[in-house]
């Protein structure tokens, strides 16, 4: 079950997270049950797997004020889910996420910027649509297919 939210990261006023230190860490969807034989039974616990993202930003004074006020007022000091554009292996798009705990910062950097960092929880692991794992040749060749379709498809 996917969730939605009408709260958006203020992308018109704030930059996207920095590439430096940016990373994704999926939460394991598996559950293991030890057996008497010494082996373990392993199975999928759930299909909607959250993912943690480590993010950081560099803000000017004005951007830092916008971020702090948005964090406090729009997402209730980090308690609320919000939409944020993030780059993942499946492309840059909006993901439903929330802050795991209070951000770190502001830390003065370079004498004029403020560094903030946080861990985000993405509602779902960023993956291609369900079923595409059965056709790795289509995923591997998707850029060629996209080019061909755009070149050969009749104009509307």
N, C-alpha and C. Protein backbone atom coordinates (compact mmCIF):
# COMPACT_ATOMS: atom_id res chain seq x y z
N UNK A 1 0.84 -1.18 0.00
CA UNK A 1 0.00 0.00 0.00
C UNK A 1 0.89 1.25 0.00
N UNK A 2 0.76 2.06 -1.00
CA UNK A 2 1.53 3.30 -1.09
C UNK A 2 0.77 4.42 -0.38
N UNK A 3 1.51 5.38 0.11
CA UNK A 3 0.87 6.54 0.72
C UNK A 3 1.13 7.76 -0.14
N UNK A 4 0.34 8.78 0.07
CA UNK A 4 0.52 10.04 -0.64
C UNK A 4 0.49 11.17 0.38
N UNK A 5 1.03 12.29 -0.02
CA UNK A 5 1.01 13.48 0.82
C UNK A 5 0.93 14.71 -0.07
N UNK A 6 0.37 15.76 0.45
CA UNK A 6 0.28 17.01 -0.30
C UNK A 6 1.37 18.00 0.12
N UNK A 7 2.24 17.59 1.04
CA UNK A 7 3.33 18.45 1.50
C UNK A 7 4.53 18.23 0.59
N UNK A 8 5.08 19.30 0.06
CA UNK A 8 6.21 19.21 -0.86
C UNK A 8 7.44 19.93 -0.31
N UNK A 9 8.59 19.36 -0.58
CA UNK A 9 9.86 20.04 -0.30
C UNK A 9 9.87 21.31 -1.15
N UNK A 10 10.24 22.46 -0.57
CA UNK A 10 10.16 23.72 -1.31
C UNK A 10 11.28 23.87 -2.34
N UNK A 11 11.23 23.07 -3.41
CA UNK A 11 12.29 23.00 -4.40
C UNK A 11 12.49 24.30 -5.17
N UNK A 12 11.49 25.17 -5.18
CA UNK A 12 11.66 26.46 -5.85
C UNK A 12 12.56 27.40 -5.05
N UNK A 13 12.76 27.10 -3.76
CA UNK A 13 13.52 27.99 -2.89
C UNK A 13 14.77 27.34 -2.30
N UNK A 14 14.81 26.00 -2.33
CA UNK A 14 15.93 25.28 -1.72
C UNK A 14 16.56 24.32 -2.73
N UNK A 15 17.88 24.14 -2.64
CA UNK A 15 18.54 23.19 -3.54
C UNK A 15 18.26 21.75 -3.13
N UNK A 16 18.48 20.85 -4.06
CA UNK A 16 18.38 19.42 -3.76
C UNK A 16 19.60 19.01 -2.93
N UNK A 17 19.54 17.84 -2.29
CA UNK A 17 20.69 17.40 -1.48
C UNK A 17 21.97 17.31 -2.30
N UNK A 18 23.09 17.45 -1.61
CA UNK A 18 24.40 17.34 -2.23
C UNK A 18 24.69 15.89 -2.62
N UNK A 19 25.56 15.69 -3.59
CA UNK A 19 25.99 14.35 -3.96
C UNK A 19 26.95 13.79 -2.92
N UNK A 20 27.75 14.65 -2.32
CA UNK A 20 28.74 14.23 -1.33
C UNK A 20 28.06 13.56 -0.13
N UNK A 21 28.35 12.28 0.09
CA UNK A 21 27.79 11.56 1.22
C UNK A 21 26.39 11.01 0.99
N UNK A 22 25.80 11.29 -0.17
CA UNK A 22 24.45 10.83 -0.46
C UNK A 22 24.46 9.32 -0.68
N UNK A 23 23.55 8.61 -0.05
CA UNK A 23 23.48 7.17 -0.24
C UNK A 23 22.14 6.62 0.20
N UNK A 24 21.82 5.44 -0.30
CA UNK A 24 20.57 4.77 0.01
C UNK A 24 20.86 3.44 0.71
N UNK A 25 20.05 3.10 1.71
CA UNK A 25 20.21 1.85 2.44
C UNK A 25 18.83 1.24 2.67
N UNK A 26 18.48 0.20 1.89
CA UNK A 26 17.16 -0.41 2.08
C UNK A 26 17.08 -1.18 3.39
N UNK A 27 15.91 -1.18 3.99
CA UNK A 27 15.64 -1.98 5.17
C UNK A 27 15.33 -3.39 4.68
N UNK A 28 15.84 -4.39 5.36
CA UNK A 28 15.65 -5.77 4.91
C UNK A 28 14.18 -6.17 4.96
N UNK A 29 13.69 -6.77 3.86
CA UNK A 29 12.30 -7.23 3.84
C UNK A 29 12.17 -8.68 4.31
N UNK A 30 13.26 -9.26 4.78
CA UNK A 30 13.28 -10.68 5.12
C UNK A 30 13.11 -10.93 6.61
N UNK A 31 12.60 -12.11 6.91
CA UNK A 31 12.53 -12.59 8.29
C UNK A 31 13.14 -13.99 8.29
N UNK A 32 13.99 -14.26 9.26
CA UNK A 32 14.64 -15.56 9.37
C UNK A 32 14.16 -16.26 10.63
N UNK A 33 13.89 -17.54 10.48
CA UNK A 33 13.47 -18.37 11.61
C UNK A 33 14.46 -19.51 11.74
N UNK A 34 15.22 -19.56 12.85
CA UNK A 34 16.17 -20.65 13.02
C UNK A 34 15.44 -21.99 13.19
N UNK A 35 15.99 -23.03 12.59
CA UNK A 35 15.42 -24.37 12.67
C UNK A 35 16.29 -25.22 13.60
N UNK A 36 15.75 -26.29 14.12
CA UNK A 36 16.47 -27.19 15.02
C UNK A 36 17.69 -27.78 14.31
N UNK A 37 17.62 -27.97 13.02
CA UNK A 37 18.71 -28.59 12.25
C UNK A 37 19.93 -27.69 12.14
N UNK A 38 19.80 -26.44 12.53
CA UNK A 38 20.89 -25.48 12.38
C UNK A 38 20.70 -24.58 11.17
N UNK A 39 19.86 -25.00 10.27
CA UNK A 39 19.52 -24.16 9.11
C UNK A 39 18.49 -23.13 9.55
N UNK A 40 18.14 -22.26 8.63
CA UNK A 40 17.13 -21.24 8.93
C UNK A 40 16.16 -21.16 7.76
N UNK A 41 14.92 -20.92 8.08
CA UNK A 41 13.91 -20.65 7.05
C UNK A 41 13.89 -19.14 6.85
N UNK A 42 13.89 -18.74 5.62
CA UNK A 42 13.91 -17.31 5.29
C UNK A 42 12.77 -17.02 4.34
N UNK A 43 12.05 -15.92 4.61
CA UNK A 43 10.93 -15.55 3.75
C UNK A 43 10.76 -14.03 3.75
N UNK A 44 9.99 -13.59 2.79
CA UNK A 44 9.72 -12.16 2.67
C UNK A 44 8.71 -11.76 3.74
N UNK A 45 9.05 -10.75 4.50
CA UNK A 45 8.15 -10.24 5.55
C UNK A 45 7.10 -9.32 4.96
N UNK A 46 7.52 -8.45 4.04
CA UNK A 46 6.59 -7.51 3.42
C UNK A 46 7.15 -7.08 2.07
N UNK A 47 6.31 -6.53 1.22
CA UNK A 47 6.75 -6.12 -0.12
C UNK A 47 7.03 -4.63 -0.21
N UNK A 48 6.44 -3.83 0.63
CA UNK A 48 6.71 -2.39 0.65
C UNK A 48 7.87 -2.15 1.60
N UNK A 49 9.06 -2.03 1.05
CA UNK A 49 10.27 -1.94 1.85
C UNK A 49 10.75 -0.50 1.95
N UNK A 50 10.86 0.04 3.16
CA UNK A 50 11.39 1.40 3.28
C UNK A 50 12.89 1.43 2.99
N UNK A 51 13.38 2.60 2.65
CA UNK A 51 14.80 2.81 2.37
C UNK A 51 15.23 4.07 3.10
N UNK A 52 16.41 4.01 3.70
CA UNK A 52 16.98 5.19 4.36
C UNK A 52 17.92 5.89 3.39
N UNK A 53 17.84 7.21 3.36
CA UNK A 53 18.72 8.03 2.51
C UNK A 53 19.48 9.01 3.38
N UNK A 54 20.79 9.04 3.23
CA UNK A 54 21.63 10.02 3.92
C UNK A 54 21.75 11.24 3.02
N UNK A 55 21.31 12.39 3.51
CA UNK A 55 21.33 13.60 2.69
C UNK A 55 21.99 14.75 3.45
N UNK A 56 22.51 15.71 2.68
CA UNK A 56 23.04 16.94 3.27
C UNK A 56 22.83 18.07 2.27
N UNK A 57 22.79 19.27 2.79
CA UNK A 57 22.56 20.46 1.98
C UNK A 57 23.55 21.54 2.38
N UNK A 58 23.83 22.44 1.46
CA UNK A 58 24.52 23.69 1.75
C UNK A 58 23.54 24.81 1.44
N UNK A 59 23.26 25.65 2.44
CA UNK A 59 22.29 26.72 2.29
C UNK A 59 22.94 28.07 2.54
N UNK A 60 22.42 29.09 1.85
CA UNK A 60 22.77 30.47 2.19
C UNK A 60 22.00 30.82 3.47
N UNK A 61 22.23 32.01 3.99
CA UNK A 61 21.48 32.45 5.18
C UNK A 61 19.97 32.39 4.94
N UNK A 62 19.53 32.93 3.81
CA UNK A 62 18.10 32.97 3.49
C UNK A 62 17.54 31.56 3.32
N UNK A 63 18.26 30.70 2.59
CA UNK A 63 17.81 29.32 2.39
C UNK A 63 17.72 28.57 3.72
N UNK A 64 18.67 28.82 4.61
CA UNK A 64 18.65 28.17 5.93
C UNK A 64 17.40 28.58 6.70
N UNK A 65 17.02 29.86 6.60
CA UNK A 65 15.80 30.31 7.27
C UNK A 65 14.57 29.64 6.67
N UNK A 66 14.53 29.53 5.34
CA UNK A 66 13.41 28.86 4.67
C UNK A 66 13.33 27.41 5.12
N UNK A 67 14.46 26.72 5.13
CA UNK A 67 14.49 25.31 5.53
C UNK A 67 14.01 25.12 6.96
N UNK A 68 14.54 25.91 7.87
CA UNK A 68 14.18 25.77 9.29
C UNK A 68 12.68 26.04 9.50
N UNK A 69 12.15 27.07 8.85
CA UNK A 69 10.73 27.40 9.01
C UNK A 69 9.85 26.32 8.38
N UNK A 70 10.23 25.82 7.19
CA UNK A 70 9.48 24.74 6.53
C UNK A 70 9.51 23.49 7.39
N UNK A 71 10.67 23.15 7.94
CA UNK A 71 10.82 21.96 8.78
C UNK A 71 9.89 22.05 10.00
N UNK A 72 9.89 23.20 10.64
CA UNK A 72 9.06 23.39 11.84
C UNK A 72 7.58 23.40 11.52
N UNK A 73 7.18 24.19 10.51
CA UNK A 73 5.77 24.44 10.25
C UNK A 73 5.12 23.43 9.30
N UNK A 74 5.74 23.16 8.16
CA UNK A 74 5.11 22.33 7.14
C UNK A 74 5.17 20.84 7.47
N UNK A 75 6.33 20.39 8.01
CA UNK A 75 6.44 18.95 8.29
C UNK A 75 6.49 18.65 9.79
N UNK A 76 6.00 19.59 10.58
CA UNK A 76 5.82 19.37 12.03
C UNK A 76 7.09 18.85 12.71
N UNK A 77 8.18 19.60 12.53
CA UNK A 77 9.48 19.23 13.09
C UNK A 77 9.91 17.83 12.66
N UNK A 78 9.57 17.45 11.43
CA UNK A 78 10.02 16.19 10.87
C UNK A 78 9.08 15.02 11.04
N UNK A 79 7.95 15.20 11.68
CA UNK A 79 7.02 14.11 11.95
C UNK A 79 6.18 13.73 10.73
N UNK A 80 5.99 14.65 9.79
CA UNK A 80 5.09 14.41 8.66
C UNK A 80 5.83 13.92 7.42
N UNK A 81 5.11 13.14 6.61
CA UNK A 81 5.63 12.69 5.32
C UNK A 81 5.56 13.85 4.34
N UNK A 82 6.49 13.88 3.37
CA UNK A 82 6.50 14.92 2.35
C UNK A 82 7.08 14.35 1.05
N UNK A 83 6.82 15.05 -0.05
CA UNK A 83 7.36 14.67 -1.36
C UNK A 83 8.67 15.42 -1.59
N UNK A 84 9.70 14.67 -2.03
CA UNK A 84 10.99 15.30 -2.29
C UNK A 84 11.63 14.66 -3.51
N UNK A 85 12.12 15.49 -4.44
CA UNK A 85 12.82 14.91 -5.58
C UNK A 85 14.18 14.38 -5.16
N UNK A 86 14.46 13.13 -5.50
CA UNK A 86 15.74 12.51 -5.18
C UNK A 86 16.23 11.71 -6.39
N UNK A 87 17.54 11.66 -6.55
CA UNK A 87 18.14 10.86 -7.62
C UNK A 87 18.38 9.45 -7.09
N UNK A 88 17.89 8.46 -7.85
CA UNK A 88 18.09 7.06 -7.51
C UNK A 88 18.46 6.33 -8.81
N UNK A 89 18.79 5.05 -8.73
CA UNK A 89 19.11 4.33 -9.97
C UNK A 89 17.98 4.30 -11.00
N UNK A 90 16.75 4.53 -10.58
CA UNK A 90 15.64 4.55 -11.55
C UNK A 90 15.32 5.96 -12.03
N UNK A 91 16.15 6.93 -11.67
CA UNK A 91 15.98 8.30 -12.15
C UNK A 91 15.67 9.28 -11.04
N UNK A 92 15.57 10.53 -11.40
CA UNK A 92 15.22 11.58 -10.44
C UNK A 92 13.71 11.78 -10.51
N UNK A 93 13.08 11.60 -9.36
CA UNK A 93 11.63 11.81 -9.28
C UNK A 93 11.27 12.07 -7.83
N UNK A 94 10.01 12.42 -7.59
CA UNK A 94 9.54 12.67 -6.23
C UNK A 94 9.36 11.35 -5.49
N UNK A 95 9.84 11.32 -4.26
CA UNK A 95 9.63 10.18 -3.37
C UNK A 95 8.93 10.67 -2.12
N UNK A 96 8.03 9.86 -1.58
CA UNK A 96 7.38 10.17 -0.31
C UNK A 96 8.37 9.80 0.79
N UNK A 97 8.72 10.77 1.62
CA UNK A 97 9.71 10.51 2.66
C UNK A 97 9.42 11.35 3.90
N UNK A 98 10.15 11.03 4.96
CA UNK A 98 10.10 11.83 6.18
C UNK A 98 11.47 11.77 6.83
N UNK A 99 11.72 12.67 7.74
CA UNK A 99 13.00 12.74 8.42
C UNK A 99 12.96 11.75 9.59
N UNK A 100 14.02 10.93 9.71
CA UNK A 100 14.06 9.92 10.78
C UNK A 100 14.21 10.54 12.15
N UNK A 101 14.95 11.61 12.24
CA UNK A 101 15.16 12.31 13.50
C UNK A 101 15.56 13.74 13.16
N UNK A 102 15.80 14.56 14.15
CA UNK A 102 16.16 15.95 13.89
C UNK A 102 17.44 16.00 13.04
N UNK A 103 17.50 16.96 12.16
CA UNK A 103 18.67 17.15 11.30
C UNK A 103 19.88 17.58 12.13
N UNK A 104 21.06 17.48 11.52
CA UNK A 104 22.28 18.00 12.14
C UNK A 104 22.62 19.32 11.47
N UNK A 105 23.04 20.28 12.26
CA UNK A 105 23.39 21.58 11.73
C UNK A 105 22.49 22.63 12.36
N UNK A 106 22.69 23.84 11.98
CA UNK A 106 23.56 24.33 10.93
C UNK A 106 25.03 24.41 11.36
N UNK A 107 25.91 24.06 10.44
CA UNK A 107 27.35 24.16 10.64
C UNK A 107 27.89 25.12 9.60
N UNK A 108 28.57 26.16 10.04
CA UNK A 108 29.12 27.15 9.12
C UNK A 108 30.22 26.51 8.28
N UNK A 109 30.11 26.65 6.96
CA UNK A 109 31.06 26.05 6.03
C UNK A 109 31.52 27.11 5.04
N UNK A 110 32.82 27.25 4.93
CA UNK A 110 33.37 28.21 3.97
C UNK A 110 33.09 29.66 4.31
N UNK A 111 32.65 29.92 5.52
CA UNK A 111 32.42 31.29 5.95
C UNK A 111 31.12 31.92 5.46
N UNK A 112 30.40 31.23 4.56
CA UNK A 112 29.16 31.84 4.08
C UNK A 112 28.01 30.88 3.84
N UNK A 113 28.23 29.60 4.00
CA UNK A 113 27.16 28.60 3.79
C UNK A 113 26.90 27.83 5.07
N UNK A 114 25.70 27.31 5.19
CA UNK A 114 25.30 26.50 6.33
C UNK A 114 25.06 25.07 5.86
N UNK A 115 25.73 24.12 6.49
CA UNK A 115 25.57 22.71 6.15
C UNK A 115 24.57 22.07 7.11
N UNK A 116 23.60 21.38 6.53
CA UNK A 116 22.63 20.59 7.27
C UNK A 116 22.73 19.16 6.75
N UNK A 117 22.49 18.20 7.61
CA UNK A 117 22.43 16.80 7.16
C UNK A 117 21.32 16.09 7.92
N UNK A 118 20.78 15.04 7.30
CA UNK A 118 19.69 14.31 7.91
C UNK A 118 19.61 12.92 7.28
N UNK A 119 18.88 12.05 7.94
CA UNK A 119 18.54 10.75 7.39
C UNK A 119 17.06 10.76 7.06
N UNK A 120 16.74 10.42 5.83
CA UNK A 120 15.36 10.37 5.39
C UNK A 120 14.90 8.92 5.30
N UNK A 121 13.62 8.70 5.53
CA UNK A 121 13.00 7.40 5.32
C UNK A 121 12.12 7.52 4.08
N UNK A 122 12.47 6.81 3.03
CA UNK A 122 11.63 6.75 1.84
C UNK A 122 10.59 5.67 2.07
N UNK A 123 9.34 5.95 1.71
CA UNK A 123 8.26 5.00 1.95
C UNK A 123 8.54 3.67 1.28
N UNK A 124 9.06 3.72 0.04
CA UNK A 124 9.33 2.50 -0.70
C UNK A 124 10.73 2.51 -1.28
N UNK A 125 11.27 1.34 -1.47
CA UNK A 125 12.58 1.18 -2.09
C UNK A 125 12.45 1.59 -3.56
N UNK A 126 13.35 2.46 -4.04
CA UNK A 126 13.26 2.92 -5.43
C UNK A 126 13.68 1.81 -6.40
N UNK A 127 12.69 1.23 -7.07
CA UNK A 127 12.92 0.11 -7.98
C UNK A 127 12.13 0.30 -9.26
N UNK A 128 12.51 -0.41 -10.32
CA UNK A 128 11.65 -0.42 -11.52
C UNK A 128 10.30 -1.04 -11.16
N UNK A 129 9.29 -0.86 -11.99
CA UNK A 129 7.97 -1.42 -11.69
C UNK A 129 8.01 -2.94 -11.48
N UNK A 130 7.07 -3.43 -10.68
CA UNK A 130 6.98 -4.86 -10.38
C UNK A 130 6.85 -5.63 -11.69
N UNK A 131 7.58 -6.72 -11.79
CA UNK A 131 7.54 -7.58 -12.96
C UNK A 131 8.71 -7.38 -13.90
N UNK A 132 9.33 -6.21 -13.89
CA UNK A 132 10.44 -5.94 -14.80
C UNK A 132 11.67 -6.78 -14.48
N UNK A 133 11.78 -7.29 -13.27
CA UNK A 133 12.91 -8.16 -12.93
C UNK A 133 12.90 -9.46 -13.70
N UNK A 134 11.75 -9.83 -14.28
CA UNK A 134 11.66 -11.03 -15.10
C UNK A 134 12.18 -10.81 -16.52
N UNK A 135 12.47 -9.56 -16.86
CA UNK A 135 12.93 -9.23 -18.22
C UNK A 135 14.19 -8.35 -18.16
N UNK A 136 15.29 -8.89 -17.64
CA UNK A 136 16.50 -8.07 -17.50
C UNK A 136 17.00 -7.52 -18.83
N UNK A 137 16.75 -8.25 -19.92
CA UNK A 137 17.21 -7.78 -21.23
C UNK A 137 16.50 -6.49 -21.63
N UNK A 138 15.25 -6.32 -21.22
CA UNK A 138 14.53 -5.08 -21.53
C UNK A 138 15.04 -3.93 -20.68
N UNK A 139 15.32 -4.19 -19.41
CA UNK A 139 15.88 -3.14 -18.56
C UNK A 139 17.27 -2.73 -19.05
N UNK A 140 18.10 -3.72 -19.37
CA UNK A 140 19.46 -3.44 -19.81
C UNK A 140 19.47 -2.66 -21.12
N UNK A 141 18.49 -2.92 -21.99
CA UNK A 141 18.42 -2.23 -23.27
C UNK A 141 17.42 -1.10 -23.31
N UNK A 142 16.95 -0.66 -22.16
CA UNK A 142 15.88 0.34 -22.15
C UNK A 142 16.29 1.65 -22.81
N UNK A 143 17.55 2.06 -22.71
CA UNK A 143 17.95 3.32 -23.34
C UNK A 143 17.89 3.20 -24.86
N UNK A 144 18.25 2.02 -25.40
CA UNK A 144 18.18 1.81 -26.85
C UNK A 144 16.72 1.79 -27.30
N UNK A 145 15.88 1.10 -26.54
CA UNK A 145 14.45 1.03 -26.87
C UNK A 145 13.84 2.43 -26.84
N UNK A 146 14.19 3.21 -25.82
CA UNK A 146 13.66 4.57 -25.70
C UNK A 146 14.08 5.43 -26.89
N UNK A 147 15.33 5.33 -27.30
CA UNK A 147 15.82 6.10 -28.45
C UNK A 147 15.08 5.68 -29.71
N UNK A 148 14.94 4.38 -29.90
CA UNK A 148 14.26 3.87 -31.11
C UNK A 148 12.81 4.32 -31.17
N UNK A 149 12.11 4.19 -30.05
CA UNK A 149 10.70 4.57 -30.03
C UNK A 149 10.55 6.06 -30.32
N UNK A 150 11.39 6.89 -29.70
CA UNK A 150 11.29 8.32 -29.91
C UNK A 150 11.66 8.72 -31.35
N UNK A 151 12.54 7.96 -31.97
CA UNK A 151 12.94 8.27 -33.34
C UNK A 151 11.90 7.79 -34.35
N UNK A 152 11.33 6.60 -34.11
CA UNK A 152 10.45 5.96 -35.08
C UNK A 152 8.97 6.20 -34.82
N UNK A 153 8.59 6.57 -33.61
CA UNK A 153 7.19 6.74 -33.28
C UNK A 153 6.60 7.89 -34.09
N UNK A 154 5.41 7.70 -34.65
CA UNK A 154 4.83 8.80 -35.43
C UNK A 154 4.52 10.01 -34.56
N UNK A 155 4.73 11.16 -35.12
CA UNK A 155 4.43 12.41 -34.40
C UNK A 155 2.93 12.57 -34.28
N UNK A 156 2.48 13.06 -33.14
CA UNK A 156 1.04 13.24 -32.90
C UNK A 156 0.53 14.50 -33.55
